[in-house]
Amino acid sequence: MNSAINNKVLSDVLGANDGALRLAKQAVLVLAGILLLAVAAKIKVPMWPVPITMGTFAVLSIGAAYGARLGLVTIIGYMIVGALGFDVFAGSSAQAYGFEYMMGGTGGYLVGYVLATVLLGSLARQGWDRSAPKMALAMLLGNVLIYVPGLLWLGTLYGWDKPILAWGLTPFLVGDLVKLALAAALFPMIWKLVSRARD
């Protein structure tokens, strides 16, 4: 692979990387990322035992494509938009939205989104997104970072005597495996195309 793109994430190799043009590119990427996260959160693909929502895929993909810093700015921007009352989360609606919604059952998972975005960005910066096995492992670790605070918050909120794993983990594992496989195939393929274009 071209040595000029080592230690870079996808956003680094697309467009300007100096001065005002770089800042403009980053601003556009942040806005586009927030929009993508909002749209992806509402996409539901039929799957057993529950439909696949594409929110986590978008979160982890933006982390990998943007890197830790730009990814963090984007996910925090997304959280701010949601806290202001816009209907941007998977379970939010005209009746349930804003900061109060974020402090409900989904709150821990939203914290996990932030952690996972930074992790995926850091791993992508080390080249994990250029190898299918490493990207699969990165996605797995990202999902763990989403689920751990999510489940801890559910248990704290509703009580550990409730079926927390049945509510917040096991129904989603099949869908997460599908998204993991998709990212593991997609990112190395994109990097191969980038490498060929720059040779």
C-alpha atoms as a PDB file:
ATOM      1  CA  MET A   1       0.000   0.000   0.000  1.00  0.00           C
ATOM      2  CA  ASN A   2       1.175   3.490  -0.758  1.00  0.00           C
ATOM      3  CA  SER A   3       3.319   4.635   2.195  1.00  0.00           C
ATOM      4  CA  ALA A   4       1.808   8.129   1.896  1.00  0.00           C
ATOM      5  CA  ILE A   5      -1.474   6.875   3.302  1.00  0.00           C
ATOM      6  CA  ASN A   6      -0.123   4.806   6.186  1.00  0.00           C
ATOM      7  CA  ASN A   7      -1.444   5.835   9.614  1.00  0.00           C
ATOM      8  CA  LYS A   8      -4.342   7.687   8.014  1.00  0.00           C
ATOM      9  CA  VAL A   9      -8.086   7.150   8.181  1.00  0.00           C
ATOM     10  CA  LEU A  10     -10.382   7.441   5.187  1.00  0.00           C
ATOM     11  CA  SER A  11     -11.321  11.059   5.869  1.00  0.00           C
ATOM     12  CA  ASP A  12      -7.626  11.992   5.682  1.00  0.00           C
ATOM     13  CA  VAL A  13      -7.201  10.754   2.121  1.00  0.00           C
ATOM     14  CA  LEU A  14     -10.297  12.458   0.728  1.00  0.00           C
ATOM     15  CA  GLY A  15     -10.085  16.159  -0.057  1.00  0.00           C
ATOM     16  CA  ALA A  16      -7.874  18.913   1.320  1.00  0.00           C
ATOM     17  CA  ASN A  17      -5.748  18.482   4.441  1.00  0.00           C
ATOM     18  CA  ASP A  18      -4.319  21.970   4.881  1.00  0.00           C
ATOM     19  CA  GLY A  19      -5.557  25.345   6.070  1.00  0.00           C
ATOM     20  CA  ALA A  20      -9.074  26.667   5.619  1.00  0.00           C
ATOM     21  CA  LEU A  21     -10.004  23.965   3.113  1.00  0.00           C
ATOM     22  CA  ARG A  22      -9.227  21.301   5.700  1.00  0.00           C
ATOM     23  CA  LEU A  23     -11.446  23.016   8.271  1.00  0.00           C
ATOM     24  CA  ALA A  24     -14.221  23.348   5.699  1.00  0.00           C
ATOM     25  CA  LYS A  25     -13.906  19.667   4.819  1.00  0.00           C
ATOM     26  CA  GLN A  26     -14.077  18.683   8.476  1.00  0.00           C
ATOM     27  CA  ALA A  27     -17.157  20.857   9.055  1.00  0.00           C
ATOM     28  CA  VAL A  28     -18.902  19.243   6.095  1.00  0.00           C
ATOM     29  CA  LEU A  29     -17.921  15.768   7.341  1.00  0.00           C
ATOM     30  CA  VAL A  30     -19.277  16.480  10.818  1.00  0.00           C
ATOM     31  CA  LEU A  31     -22.608  17.736   9.455  1.00  0.00           C
ATOM     32  CA  ALA A  32     -22.832  14.819   7.027  1.00  0.00           C
ATOM     33  CA  GLY A  33     -21.979  12.403   9.829  1.00  0.00           C
ATOM     34  CA  ILE A  34     -24.705  13.766  12.100  1.00  0.00           C
ATOM     35  CA  LEU A  35     -27.217  13.467   9.268  1.00  0.00           C
ATOM     36  CA  LEU A  36     -26.067   9.929   8.497  1.00  0.00           C
ATOM     37  CA  LEU A  37     -26.379   8.912  12.142  1.00  0.00           C
ATOM     38  CA  ALA A  38     -29.896  10.362  12.339  1.00  0.00           C
ATOM     39  CA  VAL A  39     -31.039   8.598   9.154  1.00  0.00           C
ATOM     40  CA  ALA A  40     -29.339   5.296  10.011  1.00  0.00           C
ATOM     41  CA  ALA A  41     -30.979   5.251  13.451  1.00  0.00           C
ATOM     42  CA  LYS A  42     -34.387   5.095  11.764  1.00  0.00           C
ATOM     43  CA  ILE A  43     -33.511   2.316   9.296  1.00  0.00           C
ATOM     44  CA  LYS A  44     -34.847  -1.074  10.327  1.00  0.00           C
ATOM     45  CA  VAL A  45     -33.989  -4.144   8.271  1.00  0.00           C
ATOM     46  CA  PRO A  46     -36.220  -7.192   8.835  1.00  0.00           C
ATOM     47  CA  MET A  47     -34.287  -9.880  10.720  1.00  0.00           C
ATOM     48  CA  TRP A  48     -34.870 -12.604  13.293  1.00  0.00           C
ATOM     49  CA  PRO A  49     -35.416 -12.277  16.231  1.00  0.00           C
ATOM     50  CA  VAL A  50     -35.712  -8.479  15.948  1.00  0.00           C
ATOM     51  CA  PRO A  51     -35.185  -6.034  13.065  1.00  0.00           C
ATOM     52  CA  ILE A  52     -31.649  -4.752  12.542  1.00  0.00           C
ATOM     53  CA  THR A  53     -31.290  -1.053  13.236  1.00  0.00           C
ATOM     54  CA  MET A  54     -28.383   0.549  11.393  1.00  0.00           C
ATOM     55  CA  GLY A  55     -27.526   3.072  14.094  1.00  0.00           C
ATOM     56  CA  THR A  56     -24.656   1.100  15.614  1.00  0.00           C
ATOM     57  CA  PHE A  57     -23.257   0.348  12.163  1.00  0.00           C
ATOM     58  CA  ALA A  58     -23.217   4.064  11.370  1.00  0.00           C
ATOM     59  CA  VAL A  59     -21.625   4.930  14.727  1.00  0.00           C
ATOM     60  CA  LEU A  60     -18.819   2.409  14.352  1.00  0.00           C
ATOM     61  CA  SER A  61     -18.292   3.177  10.669  1.00  0.00           C
ATOM     62  CA  ILE A  62     -18.013   6.921  11.300  1.00  0.00           C
ATOM     63  CA  GLY A  63     -15.495   6.234  14.043  1.00  0.00           C
ATOM     64  CA  ALA A  64     -13.401   4.142  11.662  1.00  0.00           C
ATOM     65  CA  ALA A  65     -13.725   6.503   8.694  1.00  0.00           C
ATOM     66  CA  TYR A  66     -13.230   9.770  10.606  1.00  0.00           C
ATOM     67  CA  GLY A  67     -10.682   8.812  13.254  1.00  0.00           C
ATOM     68  CA  ALA A  68     -11.006   9.375  16.987  1.00  0.00           C
ATOM     69  CA  ARG A  69     -10.983  13.198  17.070  1.00  0.00           C
ATOM     70  CA  LEU A  70     -13.309  13.991  14.190  1.00  0.00           C
ATOM     71  CA  GLY A  71     -15.458  11.008  15.089  1.00  0.00           C
ATOM     72  CA  LEU A  72     -15.774  12.278  18.656  1.00  0.00           C
ATOM     73  CA  VAL A  73     -16.798  15.755  17.477  1.00  0.00           C
ATOM     74  CA  THR A  74     -19.392  14.159  15.196  1.00  0.00           C
ATOM     75  CA  ILE A  75     -20.922  11.844  17.801  1.00  0.00           C
ATOM     76  CA  ILE A  76     -21.022  14.636  20.406  1.00  0.00           C
ATOM     77  CA  GLY A  77     -22.719  16.852  17.812  1.00  0.00           C
ATOM     78  CA  TYR A  78     -25.259  14.096  17.238  1.00  0.00           C
ATOM     79  CA  MET A  79     -25.918  13.831  20.984  1.00  0.00           C
ATOM     80  CA  ILE A  80     -26.381  17.595  21.242  1.00  0.00           C
ATOM     81  CA  VAL A  81     -28.896  17.570  18.384  1.00  0.00           C
ATOM     82  CA  GLY A  82     -30.776  14.757  20.140  1.00  0.00           C
ATOM     83  CA  ALA A  83     -30.659  16.530  23.513  1.00  0.00           C
ATOM     84  CA  LEU A  84     -32.174  19.627  21.895  1.00  0.00           C
ATOM     85  CA  GLY A  85     -35.256  17.572  21.107  1.00  0.00           C
ATOM     86  CA  PHE A  86     -34.784  16.511  17.508  1.00  0.00           C
ATOM     87  CA  ASP A  87     -36.002  13.035  16.582  1.00  0.00           C
ATOM     88  CA  VAL A  88     -32.623  11.502  15.734  1.00  0.00           C
ATOM     89  CA  PHE A  89     -32.436   8.351  17.870  1.00  0.00           C
ATOM     90  CA  ALA A  90     -33.697   4.865  17.010  1.00  0.00           C
ATOM     91  CA  GLY A  91     -36.464   4.904  19.611  1.00  0.00           C
ATOM     92  CA  SER A  92     -37.187   8.605  19.798  1.00  0.00           C
ATOM     93  CA  SER A  93     -40.364  10.087  18.367  1.00  0.00           C
ATOM     94  CA  ALA A  94     -42.513  13.198  18.458  1.00  0.00           C
ATOM     95  CA  GLN A  95     -43.788  12.023  21.849  1.00  0.00           C
ATOM     96  CA  ALA A  96     -40.458  10.815  23.318  1.00  0.00           C
ATOM     97  CA  TYR A  97     -37.394  12.907  22.600  1.00  0.00           C
ATOM     98  CA  GLY A  98     -34.680  15.133  23.985  1.00  0.00           C
ATOM     99  CA  PHE A  99     -32.650  14.868  27.174  1.00  0.00           C
ATOM    100  CA  GLU A 100     -35.406  13.082  29.062  1.00  0.00           C
ATOM    101  CA  TYR A 101     -35.448  10.336  26.421  1.00  0.00           C
ATOM    102  CA  MET A 102     -31.658  10.101  26.552  1.00  0.00           C
ATOM    103  CA  MET A 103     -31.789   9.480  30.301  1.00  0.00           C
ATOM    104  CA  GLY A 104     -34.195   6.565  29.822  1.00  0.00           C
ATOM    105  CA  GLY A 105     -33.354   2.990  28.924  1.00  0.00           C
ATOM    106  CA  THR A 106     -31.233   4.012  25.960  1.00  0.00           C
ATOM    107  CA  GLY A 107     -28.920   6.276  27.963  1.00  0.00           C
ATOM    108  CA  GLY A 108     -26.160   3.773  28.602  1.00  0.00           C
ATOM    109  CA  TYR A 109     -26.012   2.775  24.964  1.00  0.00           C
ATOM    110  CA  LEU A 110     -25.587   6.413  23.946  1.00  0.00           C
ATOM    111  CA  VAL A 111     -22.603   6.659  26.288  1.00  0.00           C
ATOM    112  CA  GLY A 112     -21.313   3.507  24.617  1.00  0.00           C
ATOM    113  CA  TYR A 113     -21.686   5.172  21.221  1.00  0.00           C
ATOM    114  CA  VAL A 114     -19.202   7.832  22.272  1.00  0.00           C
ATOM    115  CA  LEU A 115     -16.710   5.311  23.658  1.00  0.00           C
ATOM    116  CA  ALA A 116     -17.006   3.035  20.627  1.00  0.00           C
ATOM    117  CA  THR A 117     -16.540   5.905  18.180  1.00  0.00           C
ATOM    118  CA  VAL A 118     -13.242   6.866  19.815  1.00  0.00           C
ATOM    119  CA  LEU A 119     -12.084   3.242  19.944  1.00  0.00           C
ATOM    120  CA  LEU A 120     -12.867   2.568  16.273  1.00  0.00           C
ATOM    121  CA  GLY A 121     -11.162   5.797  15.286  1.00  0.00           C
ATOM    122  CA  SER A 122      -8.039   4.890  17.245  1.00  0.00           C
ATOM    123  CA  LEU A 123      -7.892   1.369  15.819  1.00  0.00           C
ATOM    124  CA  ALA A 124      -8.485   2.609  12.271  1.00  0.00           C
ATOM    125  CA  ARG A 125      -5.606   5.054  12.722  1.00  0.00           C
ATOM    126  CA  GLN A 126      -3.455   1.976  13.383  1.00  0.00           C
ATOM    127  CA  GLY A 127      -4.663   0.317  10.183  1.00  0.00           C
ATOM    128  CA  TRP A 128      -7.185  -2.127  11.618  1.00  0.00           C
ATOM    129  CA  ASP A 129      -9.791  -1.085   9.035  1.00  0.00           C
ATOM    130  CA  ARG A 130      -7.570  -2.326   6.177  1.00  0.00           C
ATOM    131  CA  SER A 131      -7.743  -5.974   7.216  1.00  0.00           C
ATOM    132  CA  ALA A 132     -10.995  -7.947   7.348  1.00  0.00           C
ATOM    133  CA  PRO A 133     -10.073  -9.947  10.492  1.00  0.00           C
ATOM    134  CA  LYS A 134      -8.853  -6.850  12.336  1.00  0.00           C
ATOM    135  CA  MET A 135     -11.877  -4.813  11.275  1.00  0.00           C
ATOM    136  CA  ALA A 136     -14.149  -7.606  12.491  1.00  0.00           C
ATOM    137  CA  LEU A 137     -12.336  -7.589  15.837  1.00  0.00           C
ATOM    138  CA  ALA A 138     -12.561  -3.787  16.004  1.00  0.00           C
ATOM    139  CA  MET A 139     -16.320  -3.985  15.402  1.00  0.00           C
ATOM    140  CA  LEU A 140     -16.620  -6.646  18.092  1.00  0.00           C
ATOM    141  CA  LEU A 141     -14.741  -4.493  20.604  1.00  0.00           C
ATOM    142  CA  GLY A 142     -16.835  -1.487  19.623  1.00  0.00           C
ATOM    143  CA  ASN A 143     -20.023  -3.428  20.239  1.00  0.00           C
ATOM    144  CA  VAL A 144     -18.730  -4.502  23.646  1.00  0.00           C
ATOM    145  CA  LEU A 145     -18.140  -0.847  24.516  1.00  0.00           C
ATOM    146  CA  ILE A 146     -21.715  -0.069  23.497  1.00  0.00           C
ATOM    147  CA  TYR A 147     -23.298  -2.967  25.366  1.00  0.00           C
ATOM    148  CA  VAL A 148     -21.425  -2.722  28.676  1.00  0.00           C
ATOM    149  CA  PRO A 149     -22.619   0.770  29.688  1.00  0.00           C
ATOM    150  CA  GLY A 150     -25.975   0.040  28.053  1.00  0.00           C
ATOM    151  CA  LEU A 151     -26.609  -3.039  30.176  1.00  0.00           C
ATOM    152  CA  LEU A 152     -25.192  -1.456  33.313  1.00  0.00           C
ATOM    153  CA  TRP A 153     -27.582   1.466  32.894  1.00  0.00           C
ATOM    154  CA  LEU A 154     -30.555  -0.812  32.238  1.00  0.00           C
ATOM    155  CA  GLY A 155     -29.797  -2.778  35.393  1.00  0.00           C
ATOM    156  CA  THR A 156     -29.389   0.380  37.444  1.00  0.00           C
ATOM    157  CA  LEU A 157     -32.544   1.944  36.035  1.00  0.00           C
ATOM    158  CA  TYR A 158     -34.912  -1.007  36.182  1.00  0.00           C
ATOM    159  CA  GLY A 159     -33.325  -3.352  38.724  1.00  0.00           C
ATOM    160  CA  TRP A 160     -31.040  -6.346  38.404  1.00  0.00           C
ATOM    161  CA  ASP A 161     -33.919  -8.715  39.150  1.00  0.00           C
ATOM    162  CA  LYS A 162     -35.266  -7.953  35.667  1.00  0.00           C
ATOM    163  CA  PRO A 163     -34.214  -9.917  32.540  1.00  0.00           C
ATOM    164  CA  ILE A 164     -31.642  -7.308  31.512  1.00  0.00           C
ATOM    165  CA  LEU A 165     -29.767  -9.508  29.022  1.00  0.00           C
ATOM    166  CA  ALA A 166     -33.025 -10.561  27.349  1.00  0.00           C
ATOM    167  CA  TRP A 167     -34.038  -6.920  27.055  1.00  0.00           C
ATOM    168  CA  GLY A 168     -30.790  -5.347  25.984  1.00  0.00           C
ATOM    169  CA  LEU A 169     -28.393  -7.929  24.535  1.00  0.00           C
ATOM    170  CA  THR A 170     -29.424 -11.327  23.220  1.00  0.00           C
ATOM    171  CA  PRO A 171     -32.118 -10.202  20.729  1.00  0.00           C
ATOM    172  CA  PHE A 172     -29.572  -8.014  18.926  1.00  0.00           C
ATOM    173  CA  LEU A 173     -26.617 -10.384  18.598  1.00  0.00           C
ATOM    174  CA  VAL A 174     -27.608 -11.855  15.222  1.00  0.00           C
ATOM    175  CA  GLY A 175     -28.028  -8.411  13.689  1.00  0.00           C
ATOM    176  CA  ASP A 176     -24.739  -7.224  15.173  1.00  0.00           C
ATOM    177  CA  LEU A 177     -22.963 -10.209  13.633  1.00  0.00           C
ATOM    178  CA  VAL A 178     -24.361  -9.263  10.220  1.00  0.00           C
ATOM    179  CA  LYS A 179     -23.198  -5.651  10.636  1.00  0.00           C
ATOM    180  CA  LEU A 180     -19.786  -6.837  11.810  1.00  0.00           C
ATOM    181  CA  ALA A 181     -19.375  -8.960   8.681  1.00  0.00           C
ATOM    182  CA  LEU A 182     -20.521  -6.089   6.465  1.00  0.00           C
ATOM    183  CA  ALA A 183     -17.979  -3.650   7.933  1.00  0.00           C
ATOM    184  CA  ALA A 184     -15.207  -6.258   7.822  1.00  0.00           C
ATOM    185  CA  ALA A 185     -15.807  -6.673   4.094  1.00  0.00           C
ATOM    186  CA  LEU A 186     -16.530  -3.036   3.240  1.00  0.00           C
ATOM    187  CA  PHE A 187     -13.637  -1.119   4.804  1.00  0.00           C
ATOM    188  CA  PRO A 188     -10.741  -3.198   3.406  1.00  0.00           C
ATOM    189  CA  MET A 189     -12.408  -3.044  -0.021  1.00  0.00           C
ATOM    190  CA  ILE A 190     -12.632   0.759   0.146  1.00  0.00           C
ATOM    191  CA  TRP A 191      -8.956   0.955   1.147  1.00  0.00           C
ATOM    192  CA  LYS A 192      -7.967  -1.224  -1.808  1.00  0.00           C
ATOM    193  CA  LEU A 193      -9.819   1.146  -4.136  1.00  0.00           C
ATOM    194  CA  VAL A 194      -8.134   4.165  -2.522  1.00  0.00           C
ATOM    195  CA  SER A 195      -4.727   2.538  -2.856  1.00  0.00           C
ATOM    196  CA  ARG A 196      -5.273   1.730  -6.523  1.00  0.00           C
ATOM    197  CA  ALA A 197      -6.475   5.261  -7.245  1.00  0.00           C
ATOM    198  CA  ARG A 198      -3.338   6.759  -5.674  1.00  0.00           C
ATOM    199  CA  ASP A 199      -0.790   4.399  -7.294  1.00  0.00           C
END
